[in-house]
Amino acid sequence: MVFVTPAEPGNIDGIAALLEEMDRFYGATEVEPLELRVGQINDAIFSNPPAAYALLAWDGAQLVGLAAYSFLWPAVGLTRSLYLKELYVAQEYRRKGVGKLLMEGIFEVAAKYECSRVEWTTDDGNANAQRFYDNLGVRKHPSKVFYRVEGQCPLQTGQVYRTPVPH
């Protein structure tokens, strides 16, 4: 039976392995060394204050899915919103309800923290993800455009952003 829990520091190695699988799913041919990935995960979700949070889906002791999220403010008025950054389910657990359990967990967290919105994006070419969200009864938001800066900051500050492993 699959169940969902918040991530804990003892889960870092499993999270690192699952995120490596996710990177390869998105086409990465190289990934950071395990020690670096563990440090990045620890800094992101277990530092004070955390930059993000994660829900984990488990089949017994096996980690089979992850939903990484952050809170954004302001949303509607002065409320907060929950932004789902990544939803990933291990290959052999897809189409078995794991993604739906993680999304239910995300909506529970949003309700607990009185978020006025839950938002996320998916790649425009990821038809399976779009079908999944459509089947949940969620429709695309027609009025949003997504922007991203990687590498050199366009504002002539000289700031260079770390270029991540592509996915």
C-alpha atoms as a PDB file:
ATOM      1  CA  MET A   1       0.000   0.000   0.000  1.00  0.00           C
ATOM      2  CA  VAL A   2       1.370   3.399  -1.017  1.00  0.00           C
ATOM      3  CA  PHE A   3       1.300   6.234   1.531  1.00  0.00           C
ATOM      4  CA  VAL A   4       2.502   9.858   1.547  1.00  0.00           C
ATOM      5  CA  THR A   5       4.623  11.569   4.221  1.00  0.00           C
ATOM      6  CA  PRO A   6       6.534  14.832   4.535  1.00  0.00           C
ATOM      7  CA  ALA A   7      10.239  14.488   3.725  1.00  0.00           C
ATOM      8  CA  GLU A   8      12.566  14.019   6.682  1.00  0.00           C
ATOM      9  CA  PRO A   9      16.372  14.373   6.895  1.00  0.00           C
ATOM     10  CA  GLY A  10      16.769  10.588   6.967  1.00  0.00           C
ATOM     11  CA  ASN A  11      15.188  10.413   3.490  1.00  0.00           C
ATOM     12  CA  ILE A  12      17.938  12.379   1.696  1.00  0.00           C
ATOM     13  CA  ASP A  13      19.654   9.421   0.002  1.00  0.00           C
ATOM     14  CA  GLY A  14      16.339   8.135  -1.361  1.00  0.00           C
ATOM     15  CA  ILE A  15      15.372  11.618  -2.547  1.00  0.00           C
ATOM     16  CA  ALA A  16      18.766  11.977  -4.275  1.00  0.00           C
ATOM     17  CA  ALA A  17      18.281   8.659  -6.089  1.00  0.00           C
ATOM     18  CA  LEU A  18      14.728   9.523  -7.160  1.00  0.00           C
ATOM     19  CA  LEU A  19      15.793  12.969  -8.406  1.00  0.00           C
ATOM     20  CA  GLU A  20      18.623  11.369 -10.381  1.00  0.00           C
ATOM     21  CA  GLU A  21      16.031   9.118 -12.029  1.00  0.00           C
ATOM     22  CA  MET A  22      13.943  12.225 -12.757  1.00  0.00           C
ATOM     23  CA  ASP A  23      16.901  14.046 -14.314  1.00  0.00           C
ATOM     24  CA  ARG A  24      17.560  11.062 -16.585  1.00  0.00           C
ATOM     25  CA  PHE A  25      13.840  10.921 -17.489  1.00  0.00           C
ATOM     26  CA  TYR A  26      14.155  14.523 -18.683  1.00  0.00           C
ATOM     27  CA  GLY A  27      17.227  13.683 -20.782  1.00  0.00           C
ATOM     28  CA  ALA A  28      20.226  14.353 -18.561  1.00  0.00           C
ATOM     29  CA  THR A  29      23.225  12.222 -19.473  1.00  0.00           C
ATOM     30  CA  GLU A  30      25.298  13.419 -16.514  1.00  0.00           C
ATOM     31  CA  VAL A  31      24.282  14.163 -12.929  1.00  0.00           C
ATOM     32  CA  GLU A  32      26.100  15.701 -10.001  1.00  0.00           C
ATOM     33  CA  PRO A  33      28.004  13.369  -7.672  1.00  0.00           C
ATOM     34  CA  LEU A  34      25.869  11.892  -4.883  1.00  0.00           C
ATOM     35  CA  GLU A  35      27.644  13.916  -2.170  1.00  0.00           C
ATOM     36  CA  LEU A  36      26.836  17.170  -3.982  1.00  0.00           C
ATOM     37  CA  ARG A  37      23.198  16.160  -4.557  1.00  0.00           C
ATOM     38  CA  VAL A  38      22.798  15.225  -0.883  1.00  0.00           C
ATOM     39  CA  GLY A  39      24.201  18.603   0.148  1.00  0.00           C
ATOM     40  CA  GLN A  40      21.898  20.452  -2.250  1.00  0.00           C
ATOM     41  CA  ILE A  41      18.836  18.572  -0.978  1.00  0.00           C
ATOM     42  CA  ASN A  42      19.797  19.188   2.624  1.00  0.00           C
ATOM     43  CA  ASP A  43      20.313  22.913   1.941  1.00  0.00           C
ATOM     44  CA  ALA A  44      17.012  23.212   0.048  1.00  0.00           C
ATOM     45  CA  ILE A  45      14.540  21.382   2.256  1.00  0.00           C
ATOM     46  CA  PHE A  46      16.184  20.936   5.645  1.00  0.00           C
ATOM     47  CA  SER A  47      17.921  24.287   6.213  1.00  0.00           C
ATOM     48  CA  ASN A  48      16.497  27.053   8.366  1.00  0.00           C
ATOM     49  CA  PRO A  49      14.529  28.534   6.717  1.00  0.00           C
ATOM     50  CA  PRO A  50      13.915  25.902   4.047  1.00  0.00           C
ATOM     51  CA  ALA A  51      13.791  27.005   0.414  1.00  0.00           C
ATOM     52  CA  ALA A  52      11.301  24.243  -0.386  1.00  0.00           C
ATOM     53  CA  TYR A  53       9.369  21.328   1.048  1.00  0.00           C
ATOM     54  CA  ALA A  54       8.651  17.840  -0.223  1.00  0.00           C
ATOM     55  CA  LEU A  55       6.038  15.142   0.150  1.00  0.00           C
ATOM     56  CA  LEU A  56       7.209  11.598  -0.486  1.00  0.00           C
ATOM     57  CA  ALA A  57       5.246   8.590  -1.695  1.00  0.00           C
ATOM     58  CA  TRP A  58       6.301   5.248  -0.255  1.00  0.00           C
ATOM     59  CA  ASP A  59       5.513   1.656  -1.126  1.00  0.00           C
ATOM     60  CA  GLY A  60       6.604   0.103   2.140  1.00  0.00           C
ATOM     61  CA  ALA A  61      10.227   1.214   2.549  1.00  0.00           C
ATOM     62  CA  GLN A  62      10.688   2.063  -1.150  1.00  0.00           C
ATOM     63  CA  LEU A  63      10.497   5.715  -2.198  1.00  0.00           C
ATOM     64  CA  VAL A  64       8.330   5.830  -5.340  1.00  0.00           C
ATOM     65  CA  GLY A  65       7.327   9.474  -5.788  1.00  0.00           C
ATOM     66  CA  LEU A  66       7.989  13.055  -4.813  1.00  0.00           C
ATOM     67  CA  ALA A  67       6.133  16.360  -4.844  1.00  0.00           C
ATOM     68  CA  ALA A  68       8.401  19.374  -4.207  1.00  0.00           C
ATOM     69  CA  TYR A  69       6.741  22.680  -3.413  1.00  0.00           C
ATOM     70  CA  SER A  70       7.229  26.189  -2.049  1.00  0.00           C
ATOM     71  CA  PHE A  71       4.975  28.929  -0.795  1.00  0.00           C
ATOM     72  CA  LEU A  72       4.635  32.208  -2.700  1.00  0.00           C
ATOM     73  CA  TRP A  73       3.395  35.519  -1.395  1.00  0.00           C
ATOM     74  CA  PRO A  74       1.369  37.541  -2.166  1.00  0.00           C
ATOM     75  CA  ALA A  75      -1.283  35.653  -4.095  1.00  0.00           C
ATOM     76  CA  VAL A  76      -4.915  36.790  -4.016  1.00  0.00           C
ATOM     77  CA  GLY A  77      -4.854  39.890  -1.849  1.00  0.00           C
ATOM     78  CA  LEU A  78      -2.317  39.151   0.840  1.00  0.00           C
ATOM     79  CA  THR A  79      -2.836  35.379   0.944  1.00  0.00           C
ATOM     80  CA  ARG A  80      -0.180  32.871   0.023  1.00  0.00           C
ATOM     81  CA  SER A  81      -0.166  30.287  -2.736  1.00  0.00           C
ATOM     82  CA  LEU A  82       1.468  26.904  -2.964  1.00  0.00           C
ATOM     83  CA  TYR A  83       3.686  26.395  -6.021  1.00  0.00           C
ATOM     84  CA  LEU A  84       4.277  22.776  -7.020  1.00  0.00           C
ATOM     85  CA  LYS A  85       7.742  22.723  -8.567  1.00  0.00           C
ATOM     86  CA  GLU A  86       8.110  19.009  -9.281  1.00  0.00           C
ATOM     87  CA  LEU A  87       5.819  16.026  -9.286  1.00  0.00           C
ATOM     88  CA  TYR A  88       7.686  12.844 -10.126  1.00  0.00           C
ATOM     89  CA  VAL A  89       6.675   9.206  -9.870  1.00  0.00           C
ATOM     90  CA  ALA A  90       9.121   6.348 -10.470  1.00  0.00           C
ATOM     91  CA  GLN A  91       8.584   4.667 -13.840  1.00  0.00           C
ATOM     92  CA  GLU A  92       7.240   1.359 -12.499  1.00  0.00           C
ATOM     93  CA  TYR A  93       4.672   3.163 -10.294  1.00  0.00           C
ATOM     94  CA  ARG A  94       3.074   5.383 -12.937  1.00  0.00           C
ATOM     95  CA  ARG A  95      -0.646   4.971 -13.635  1.00  0.00           C
ATOM     96  CA  LYS A  96      -1.122   3.292 -10.254  1.00  0.00           C
ATOM     97  CA  GLY A  97      -2.539   6.253  -8.329  1.00  0.00           C
ATOM     98  CA  VAL A  98       0.738   7.492  -6.817  1.00  0.00           C
ATOM     99  CA  GLY A  99       0.599  10.868  -8.572  1.00  0.00           C
ATOM    100  CA  LYS A 100      -2.980  11.350  -7.444  1.00  0.00           C
ATOM    101  CA  LEU A 101      -2.012  10.572  -3.828  1.00  0.00           C
ATOM    102  CA  LEU A 102       0.783  13.141  -4.018  1.00  0.00           C
ATOM    103  CA  MET A 103      -1.567  15.753  -5.485  1.00  0.00           C
ATOM    104  CA  GLU A 104      -4.089  15.049  -2.707  1.00  0.00           C
ATOM    105  CA  GLY A 105      -1.250  15.620  -0.227  1.00  0.00           C
ATOM    106  CA  ILE A 106      -0.368  18.915  -1.940  1.00  0.00           C
ATOM    107  CA  PHE A 107      -3.990  20.103  -1.726  1.00  0.00           C
ATOM    108  CA  GLU A 108      -4.098  19.105   1.967  1.00  0.00           C
ATOM    109  CA  VAL A 109      -0.962  21.164   2.668  1.00  0.00           C
ATOM    110  CA  ALA A 110      -2.463  24.127   0.777  1.00  0.00           C
ATOM    111  CA  ALA A 111      -5.654  23.894   2.834  1.00  0.00           C
ATOM    112  CA  LYS A 112      -3.704  23.600   6.104  1.00  0.00           C
ATOM    113  CA  TYR A 113      -1.802  26.811   5.331  1.00  0.00           C
ATOM    114  CA  GLU A 114      -4.873  28.612   3.957  1.00  0.00           C
ATOM    115  CA  CYS A 115      -3.411  29.037   0.481  1.00  0.00           C
ATOM    116  CA  SER A 116      -5.696  30.756  -2.002  1.00  0.00           C
ATOM    117  CA  ARG A 117      -4.110  28.947  -4.957  1.00  0.00           C
ATOM    118  CA  VAL A 118      -2.128  25.897  -5.972  1.00  0.00           C
ATOM    119  CA  GLU A 119      -0.148  26.483  -9.157  1.00  0.00           C
ATOM    120  CA  TRP A 120       2.332  24.555 -11.300  1.00  0.00           C
ATOM    121  CA  THR A 121       3.659  24.219 -14.815  1.00  0.00           C
ATOM    122  CA  THR A 122       4.490  21.314 -17.056  1.00  0.00           C
ATOM    123  CA  ASP A 123       6.522  21.151 -20.220  1.00  0.00           C
ATOM    124  CA  ASP A 124       4.363  21.853 -23.254  1.00  0.00           C
ATOM    125  CA  GLY A 125       5.597  18.625 -24.854  1.00  0.00           C
ATOM    126  CA  ASN A 126       4.801  16.431 -21.826  1.00  0.00           C
ATOM    127  CA  ALA A 127       1.476  15.040 -23.047  1.00  0.00           C
ATOM    128  CA  ASN A 128       1.354  12.382 -20.315  1.00  0.00           C
ATOM    129  CA  ALA A 129       1.590  14.999 -17.544  1.00  0.00           C
ATOM    130  CA  GLN A 130      -1.034  17.149 -19.235  1.00  0.00           C
ATOM    131  CA  ARG A 131      -3.363  14.150 -19.555  1.00  0.00           C
ATOM    132  CA  PHE A 132      -2.772  13.348 -15.876  1.00  0.00           C
ATOM    133  CA  TYR A 133      -3.751  16.871 -14.779  1.00  0.00           C
ATOM    134  CA  ASP A 134      -6.726  16.910 -17.173  1.00  0.00           C
ATOM    135  CA  ASN A 135      -7.912  13.624 -15.623  1.00  0.00           C
ATOM    136  CA  LEU A 136      -7.740  15.266 -12.193  1.00  0.00           C
ATOM    137  CA  GLY A 137     -10.188  17.838 -13.499  1.00  0.00           C
ATOM    138  CA  VAL A 138      -7.613  20.645 -13.659  1.00  0.00           C
ATOM    139  CA  ARG A 139      -7.450  22.739 -16.805  1.00  0.00           C
ATOM    140  CA  LYS A 140      -4.653  24.861 -18.236  1.00  0.00           C
ATOM    141  CA  HIS A 141      -4.643  28.512 -17.246  1.00  0.00           C
ATOM    142  CA  PRO A 142      -4.873  30.457 -20.519  1.00  0.00           C
ATOM    143  CA  SER A 143      -3.589  33.822 -19.302  1.00  0.00           C
ATOM    144  CA  LYS A 144      -0.101  32.980 -17.982  1.00  0.00           C
ATOM    145  CA  VAL A 145       3.238  33.149 -19.792  1.00  0.00           C
ATOM    146  CA  PHE A 146       6.308  31.514 -18.257  1.00  0.00           C
ATOM    147  CA  TYR A 147       9.749  33.222 -18.252  1.00  0.00           C
ATOM    148  CA  ARG A 148      13.171  31.867 -17.253  1.00  0.00           C
ATOM    149  CA  VAL A 149      16.720  33.238 -16.978  1.00  0.00           C
ATOM    150  CA  GLU A 150      19.676  30.842 -16.909  1.00  0.00           C
ATOM    151  CA  GLY A 151      23.359  31.677 -17.080  1.00  0.00           C
ATOM    152  CA  GLN A 152      24.183  35.380 -17.413  1.00  0.00           C
ATOM    153  CA  CYS A 153      21.735  37.868 -15.886  1.00  0.00           C
ATOM    154  CA  PRO A 154      20.302  40.071 -18.686  1.00  0.00           C
ATOM    155  CA  LEU A 155      20.458  43.209 -16.513  1.00  0.00           C
ATOM    156  CA  GLN A 156      24.224  43.779 -16.872  1.00  0.00           C
ATOM    157  CA  THR A 157      24.915  43.018 -13.215  1.00  0.00           C
ATOM    158  CA  GLY A 158      27.626  40.526 -14.041  1.00  0.00           C
ATOM    159  CA  GLN A 159      25.737  37.958 -11.993  1.00  0.00           C
ATOM    160  CA  VAL A 160      26.022  34.413 -13.347  1.00  0.00           C
ATOM    161  CA  TYR A 161      23.500  31.779 -12.314  1.00  0.00           C
ATOM    162  CA  ARG A 162      24.466  28.158 -11.959  1.00  0.00           C
ATOM    163  CA  THR A 163      23.382  26.299 -15.071  1.00  0.00           C
ATOM    164  CA  PRO A 164      21.722  23.081 -13.862  1.00  0.00           C
ATOM    165  CA  VAL A 165      21.844  19.692 -15.473  1.00  0.00           C
ATOM    166  CA  PRO A 166      19.270  20.017 -18.292  1.00  0.00           C
ATOM    167  CA  HIS A 167      15.776  18.580 -17.914  1.00  0.00           C
END
